[in-house]
Amino acid sequence: MLVYAIIVAVLGLVVAVAHSVLGEKVILGPLYREQTSGLLAARATRDVIRAVFHVPSLAWAGLGIAVLLNRLQSGSDLLPVTAAIIFALSGIGNLAALRRPHPGGLILLAMAIATIADIRFN
């Protein structure tokens, strides 16, 4: 049953694009527009913060696609188990940090559940 792996891949792309696009628009853009003579004044610091902000997006999208490719190739369960753990920890971390339900955290938890379903039913 390929459906769970497809769900994981699609949600991985959705959450990655949303995290990066909305993060630039809502967090990084306004933060970098503020006048500062402190730590954020340095271009290198801004570039590092931007890169670190986008790394989780790349990981979620890459792992989601990897779960699908792993299923298509009848791979072992090691990759999906690792992905499920990363999705779950990311979702829990998101919810804990924000102290409220957040669409991104909920989608990541759904990805963890779909990954576990993929393992269980294949």
N, C-alpha and C. Protein backbone atom coordinates (compact mmCIF):
# COMPACT_ATOMS: atom_id res chain seq x y z
N MET A 1 0.85 -1.18 0.00
CA MET A 1 0.00 0.00 0.00
C MET A 1 0.89 1.24 0.00
N LEU A 2 0.96 1.87 -1.13
CA LEU A 2 1.84 3.01 -1.36
C LEU A 2 1.28 4.33 -0.83
N VAL A 3 0.02 4.33 -0.48
CA VAL A 3 -0.66 5.58 -0.14
C VAL A 3 -0.02 6.32 1.03
N TYR A 4 0.42 5.59 2.05
CA TYR A 4 1.01 6.27 3.22
C TYR A 4 2.33 6.95 2.86
N ALA A 5 3.14 6.30 2.04
CA ALA A 5 4.40 6.90 1.63
C ALA A 5 4.16 8.14 0.77
N ILE A 6 3.15 8.10 -0.07
CA ILE A 6 2.80 9.26 -0.89
C ILE A 6 2.35 10.41 0.01
N ILE A 7 1.54 10.10 1.00
CA ILE A 7 1.09 11.12 1.95
C ILE A 7 2.27 11.78 2.64
N VAL A 8 3.23 10.96 3.08
CA VAL A 8 4.41 11.49 3.77
C VAL A 8 5.20 12.42 2.84
N ALA A 9 5.39 12.00 1.59
CA ALA A 9 6.16 12.82 0.65
C ALA A 9 5.44 14.14 0.36
N VAL A 10 4.14 14.08 0.13
CA VAL A 10 3.38 15.31 -0.17
C VAL A 10 3.38 16.24 1.04
N LEU A 11 3.10 15.70 2.22
CA LEU A 11 3.11 16.55 3.42
C LEU A 11 4.49 17.11 3.70
N GLY A 12 5.53 16.34 3.43
CA GLY A 12 6.90 16.82 3.61
C GLY A 12 7.18 18.04 2.74
N LEU A 13 6.73 17.98 1.49
CA LEU A 13 6.92 19.12 0.60
C LEU A 13 6.07 20.31 1.04
N VAL A 14 4.84 20.04 1.45
CA VAL A 14 3.94 21.12 1.89
C VAL A 14 4.51 21.83 3.12
N VAL A 15 4.90 21.06 4.12
CA VAL A 15 5.39 21.68 5.36
C VAL A 15 6.72 22.39 5.11
N ALA A 16 7.56 21.86 4.22
CA ALA A 16 8.84 22.50 3.93
C ALA A 16 8.64 23.84 3.22
N VAL A 17 7.80 23.84 2.20
CA VAL A 17 7.55 25.09 1.45
C VAL A 17 6.89 26.12 2.37
N ALA A 18 5.91 25.69 3.14
CA ALA A 18 5.22 26.62 4.04
C ALA A 18 6.18 27.19 5.07
N HIS A 19 7.02 26.34 5.66
CA HIS A 19 7.97 26.79 6.67
C HIS A 19 8.94 27.82 6.09
N SER A 20 9.46 27.55 4.91
CA SER A 20 10.43 28.48 4.31
C SER A 20 9.78 29.77 3.83
N VAL A 21 8.68 29.66 3.11
CA VAL A 21 8.03 30.86 2.56
C VAL A 21 7.46 31.73 3.67
N LEU A 22 6.69 31.12 4.55
CA LEU A 22 6.10 31.91 5.64
C LEU A 22 7.16 32.40 6.61
N GLY A 23 8.19 31.60 6.84
CA GLY A 23 9.27 32.03 7.71
C GLY A 23 9.97 33.27 7.19
N GLU A 24 10.21 33.29 5.88
CA GLU A 24 10.83 34.48 5.28
C GLU A 24 9.91 35.69 5.40
N LYS A 25 8.63 35.47 5.17
CA LYS A 25 7.66 36.56 5.15
C LYS A 25 7.32 37.08 6.56
N VAL A 26 7.14 36.17 7.50
CA VAL A 26 6.63 36.54 8.82
C VAL A 26 7.74 36.74 9.86
N ILE A 27 8.84 36.01 9.73
CA ILE A 27 9.87 36.07 10.77
C ILE A 27 11.14 36.76 10.28
N LEU A 28 11.79 36.17 9.29
CA LEU A 28 13.10 36.68 8.87
C LEU A 28 13.01 38.05 8.21
N GLY A 29 12.07 38.23 7.30
CA GLY A 29 11.93 39.53 6.63
C GLY A 29 11.77 40.67 7.61
N PRO A 30 10.75 40.62 8.49
CA PRO A 30 10.59 41.71 9.46
C PRO A 30 11.79 41.86 10.41
N LEU A 31 12.38 40.75 10.79
CA LEU A 31 13.54 40.80 11.69
C LEU A 31 14.70 41.53 11.03
N TYR A 32 14.93 41.23 9.77
CA TYR A 32 16.07 41.83 9.08
C TYR A 32 15.80 43.26 8.63
N ARG A 33 14.55 43.67 8.58
CA ARG A 33 14.23 45.07 8.24
C ARG A 33 14.44 46.01 9.42
N GLU A 34 14.47 45.47 10.62
CA GLU A 34 14.67 46.31 11.80
C GLU A 34 16.09 46.89 11.80
N GLN A 35 16.18 48.12 12.22
CA GLN A 35 17.50 48.76 12.35
C GLN A 35 18.22 48.12 13.53
N THR A 36 19.47 47.77 13.31
CA THR A 36 20.22 47.18 14.40
C THR A 36 21.70 47.53 14.26
N SER A 37 22.32 47.70 15.38
CA SER A 37 23.77 47.88 15.38
C SER A 37 24.40 46.71 16.15
N GLY A 38 23.56 45.77 16.50
CA GLY A 38 24.02 44.62 17.28
C GLY A 38 24.44 43.46 16.40
N LEU A 39 24.20 42.29 16.90
CA LEU A 39 24.63 41.05 16.25
C LEU A 39 24.04 40.88 14.85
N LEU A 40 22.79 41.31 14.65
CA LEU A 40 22.15 41.14 13.34
C LEU A 40 22.61 42.15 12.29
N ALA A 41 23.48 43.06 12.66
CA ALA A 41 23.98 44.04 11.70
C ALA A 41 24.94 43.38 10.70
N ALA A 42 25.60 42.33 11.12
CA ALA A 42 26.57 41.64 10.26
C ALA A 42 25.86 40.77 9.22
N ARG A 43 26.22 40.94 7.98
CA ARG A 43 25.62 40.16 6.88
C ARG A 43 25.86 38.67 7.08
N ALA A 44 27.05 38.30 7.53
CA ALA A 44 27.38 36.89 7.73
C ALA A 44 26.46 36.25 8.77
N THR A 45 26.17 36.98 9.83
CA THR A 45 25.27 36.47 10.87
C THR A 45 23.88 36.25 10.30
N ARG A 46 23.41 37.19 9.52
CA ARG A 46 22.08 37.06 8.90
C ARG A 46 22.04 35.85 7.96
N ASP A 47 23.10 35.65 7.21
CA ASP A 47 23.15 34.52 6.28
C ASP A 47 23.14 33.18 7.03
N VAL A 48 23.86 33.11 8.13
CA VAL A 48 23.89 31.88 8.92
C VAL A 48 22.51 31.61 9.53
N ILE A 49 21.88 32.64 10.07
CA ILE A 49 20.54 32.46 10.66
C ILE A 49 19.55 32.02 9.59
N ARG A 50 19.62 32.61 8.42
CA ARG A 50 18.72 32.23 7.32
C ARG A 50 18.96 30.77 6.94
N ALA A 51 20.20 30.37 6.80
CA ALA A 51 20.51 28.99 6.42
C ALA A 51 20.02 28.01 7.49
N VAL A 52 20.28 28.32 8.75
CA VAL A 52 19.85 27.44 9.84
C VAL A 52 18.33 27.35 9.90
N PHE A 53 17.65 28.44 9.58
CA PHE A 53 16.19 28.44 9.58
C PHE A 53 15.64 27.50 8.50
N HIS A 54 16.30 27.44 7.35
CA HIS A 54 15.79 26.66 6.23
C HIS A 54 16.24 25.20 6.24
N VAL A 55 17.23 24.84 7.01
CA VAL A 55 17.71 23.45 7.05
C VAL A 55 16.60 22.46 7.44
N PRO A 56 15.79 22.74 8.46
CA PRO A 56 14.71 21.79 8.77
C PRO A 56 13.76 21.59 7.59
N SER A 57 13.48 22.64 6.84
CA SER A 57 12.60 22.50 5.67
C SER A 57 13.19 21.51 4.68
N LEU A 58 14.47 21.63 4.42
CA LEU A 58 15.13 20.70 3.51
C LEU A 58 15.09 19.27 4.06
N ALA A 59 15.30 19.14 5.35
CA ALA A 59 15.29 17.81 5.97
C ALA A 59 13.90 17.18 5.86
N TRP A 60 12.85 17.94 6.16
CA TRP A 60 11.49 17.39 6.12
C TRP A 60 11.11 16.98 4.70
N ALA A 61 11.41 17.84 3.74
CA ALA A 61 11.09 17.50 2.34
C ALA A 61 11.91 16.31 1.88
N GLY A 62 13.20 16.33 2.17
CA GLY A 62 14.08 15.23 1.75
C GLY A 62 13.70 13.91 2.37
N LEU A 63 13.40 13.93 3.66
CA LEU A 63 13.00 12.68 4.32
C LEU A 63 11.65 12.18 3.82
N GLY A 64 10.73 13.10 3.56
CA GLY A 64 9.43 12.69 3.03
C GLY A 64 9.58 12.00 1.68
N ILE A 65 10.38 12.58 0.82
CA ILE A 65 10.62 11.98 -0.49
C ILE A 65 11.39 10.66 -0.34
N ALA A 66 12.33 10.63 0.59
CA ALA A 66 13.11 9.41 0.82
C ALA A 66 12.23 8.27 1.30
N VAL A 67 11.23 8.56 2.13
CA VAL A 67 10.29 7.52 2.58
C VAL A 67 9.57 6.93 1.37
N LEU A 68 9.12 7.79 0.46
CA LEU A 68 8.44 7.31 -0.74
C LEU A 68 9.38 6.48 -1.61
N LEU A 69 10.57 6.99 -1.88
CA LEU A 69 11.52 6.24 -2.70
C LEU A 69 11.91 4.91 -2.05
N ASN A 70 12.05 4.93 -0.75
CA ASN A 70 12.36 3.69 -0.02
C ASN A 70 11.26 2.66 -0.22
N ARG A 71 10.01 3.10 -0.17
CA ARG A 71 8.89 2.17 -0.36
C ARG A 71 8.85 1.66 -1.80
N LEU A 72 9.09 2.54 -2.76
CA LEU A 72 9.08 2.14 -4.17
C LEU A 72 10.17 1.11 -4.47
N GLN A 73 11.27 1.18 -3.72
CA GLN A 73 12.39 0.26 -3.94
C GLN A 73 12.37 -0.92 -2.96
N SER A 74 11.30 -1.04 -2.19
CA SER A 74 11.18 -2.11 -1.19
C SER A 74 12.38 -2.13 -0.25
N GLY A 75 12.76 -0.97 0.20
CA GLY A 75 13.91 -0.84 1.10
C GLY A 75 13.59 -1.31 2.51
N SER A 76 14.61 -1.27 3.33
CA SER A 76 14.45 -1.68 4.73
C SER A 76 13.64 -0.63 5.49
N ASP A 77 13.31 -0.95 6.72
CA ASP A 77 12.53 -0.03 7.55
C ASP A 77 13.40 0.99 8.30
N LEU A 78 14.71 0.89 8.16
CA LEU A 78 15.59 1.80 8.91
C LEU A 78 15.34 3.26 8.56
N LEU A 79 15.27 3.57 7.27
CA LEU A 79 15.05 4.97 6.87
C LEU A 79 13.70 5.48 7.34
N PRO A 80 12.58 4.76 7.11
CA PRO A 80 11.30 5.28 7.58
C PRO A 80 11.22 5.39 9.11
N VAL A 81 11.85 4.49 9.83
CA VAL A 81 11.85 4.59 11.29
C VAL A 81 12.58 5.86 11.71
N THR A 82 13.72 6.10 11.10
CA THR A 82 14.49 7.31 11.40
C THR A 82 13.67 8.56 11.05
N ALA A 83 13.03 8.54 9.88
CA ALA A 83 12.21 9.68 9.46
C ALA A 83 11.06 9.90 10.43
N ALA A 84 10.39 8.82 10.86
CA ALA A 84 9.27 8.95 11.80
C ALA A 84 9.72 9.60 13.10
N ILE A 85 10.88 9.20 13.58
CA ILE A 85 11.43 9.79 14.82
C ILE A 85 11.70 11.28 14.62
N ILE A 86 12.32 11.63 13.51
CA ILE A 86 12.63 13.05 13.24
C ILE A 86 11.35 13.86 13.08
N PHE A 87 10.36 13.32 12.36
CA PHE A 87 9.09 14.03 12.21
C PHE A 87 8.41 14.22 13.56
N ALA A 88 8.38 13.17 14.37
CA ALA A 88 7.72 13.24 15.68
C ALA A 88 8.43 14.24 16.60
N LEU A 89 9.75 14.15 16.65
CA LEU A 89 10.50 15.09 17.51
C LEU A 89 10.35 16.52 17.03
N SER A 90 10.33 16.72 15.72
CA SER A 90 10.14 18.07 15.18
C SER A 90 8.75 18.60 15.53
N GLY A 91 7.74 17.75 15.38
CA GLY A 91 6.37 18.16 15.71
C GLY A 91 6.20 18.47 17.18
N ILE A 92 6.73 17.59 18.02
CA ILE A 92 6.64 17.81 19.48
C ILE A 92 7.41 19.06 19.87
N GLY A 93 8.60 19.23 19.30
CA GLY A 93 9.40 20.42 19.58
C GLY A 93 8.69 21.70 19.17
N ASN A 94 8.05 21.66 18.02
CA ASN A 94 7.29 22.81 17.53
C ASN A 94 6.16 23.14 18.48
N LEU A 95 5.40 22.14 18.86
CA LEU A 95 4.26 22.36 19.76
C LEU A 95 4.72 22.82 21.14
N ALA A 96 5.82 22.26 21.62
CA ALA A 96 6.33 22.64 22.94
C ALA A 96 6.88 24.07 22.93
N ALA A 97 7.60 24.42 21.87
CA ALA A 97 8.19 25.76 21.79
C ALA A 97 7.12 26.84 21.70
N LEU A 98 6.07 26.56 20.93
CA LEU A 98 5.01 27.55 20.75
C LEU A 98 3.95 27.49 21.84
N ARG A 99 3.94 26.40 22.60
CA ARG A 99 2.99 26.19 23.71
C ARG A 99 1.54 26.27 23.26
N ARG A 100 1.32 25.86 22.02
CA ARG A 100 -0.04 25.82 21.48
C ARG A 100 -0.01 24.99 20.20
N PRO A 101 -1.16 24.47 19.81
CA PRO A 101 -1.20 23.75 18.54
C PRO A 101 -0.84 24.68 17.39
N HIS A 102 -0.05 24.17 16.48
CA HIS A 102 0.39 24.95 15.33
C HIS A 102 0.30 24.05 14.11
N PRO A 103 -0.18 24.55 12.99
CA PRO A 103 -0.34 23.69 11.81
C PRO A 103 0.93 22.92 11.44
N GLY A 104 2.08 23.56 11.51
CA GLY A 104 3.33 22.89 11.16
C GLY A 104 3.62 21.71 12.08
N GLY A 105 3.46 21.91 13.37
CA GLY A 105 3.69 20.83 14.32
C GLY A 105 2.71 19.69 14.14
N LEU A 106 1.46 20.03 13.86
CA LEU A 106 0.44 19.00 13.64
C LEU A 106 0.70 18.22 12.36
N ILE A 107 1.15 18.91 11.31
CA ILE A 107 1.47 18.23 10.06
C ILE A 107 2.67 17.29 10.26
N LEU A 108 3.66 17.74 11.00
CA LEU A 108 4.81 16.88 11.27
C LEU A 108 4.41 15.64 12.06
N LEU A 109 3.52 15.79 13.00
CA LEU A 109 3.03 14.62 13.74
C LEU A 109 2.23 13.69 12.82
N ALA A 110 1.44 14.27 11.92
CA ALA A 110 0.71 13.46 10.94
C ALA A 110 1.69 12.71 10.04
N MET A 111 2.79 13.35 9.69
CA MET A 111 3.81 12.69 8.88
C MET A 111 4.43 11.51 9.64
N ALA A 112 4.67 11.70 10.93
CA ALA A 112 5.22 10.60 11.74
C ALA A 112 4.24 9.43 11.76
N ILE A 113 2.97 9.73 11.96
CA ILE A 113 1.94 8.68 12.01
C ILE A 113 1.82 7.98 10.65
N ALA A 114 1.82 8.75 9.57
CA ALA A 114 1.73 8.15 8.23
C ALA A 114 2.97 7.30 7.93
N THR A 115 4.12 7.73 8.40
CA THR A 115 5.34 6.94 8.20
C THR A 115 5.25 5.62 8.96
N ILE A 116 4.76 5.67 10.18
CA ILE A 116 4.58 4.44 10.96
C ILE A 116 3.55 3.53 10.28
N ALA A 117 2.49 4.11 9.75
CA ALA A 117 1.49 3.32 9.02
C ALA A 117 2.11 2.69 7.78
N ASP A 118 2.97 3.43 7.12
CA ASP A 118 3.66 2.88 5.95
C ASP A 118 4.49 1.66 6.33
N ILE A 119 5.18 1.76 7.44
CA ILE A 119 5.99 0.62 7.92
C ILE A 119 5.09 -0.54 8.29
N ARG A 120 4.04 -0.26 9.02
CA ARG A 120 3.16 -1.30 9.55
C ARG A 120 2.42 -2.05 8.46
N PHE A 121 1.93 -1.35 7.45
CA PHE A 121 1.05 -1.98 6.46
C PHE A 121 1.79 -2.39 5.19
N ASN A 122 3.09 -2.31 5.17
CA ASN A 122 3.84 -2.76 3.99
C ASN A 122 4.86 -3.82 4.34
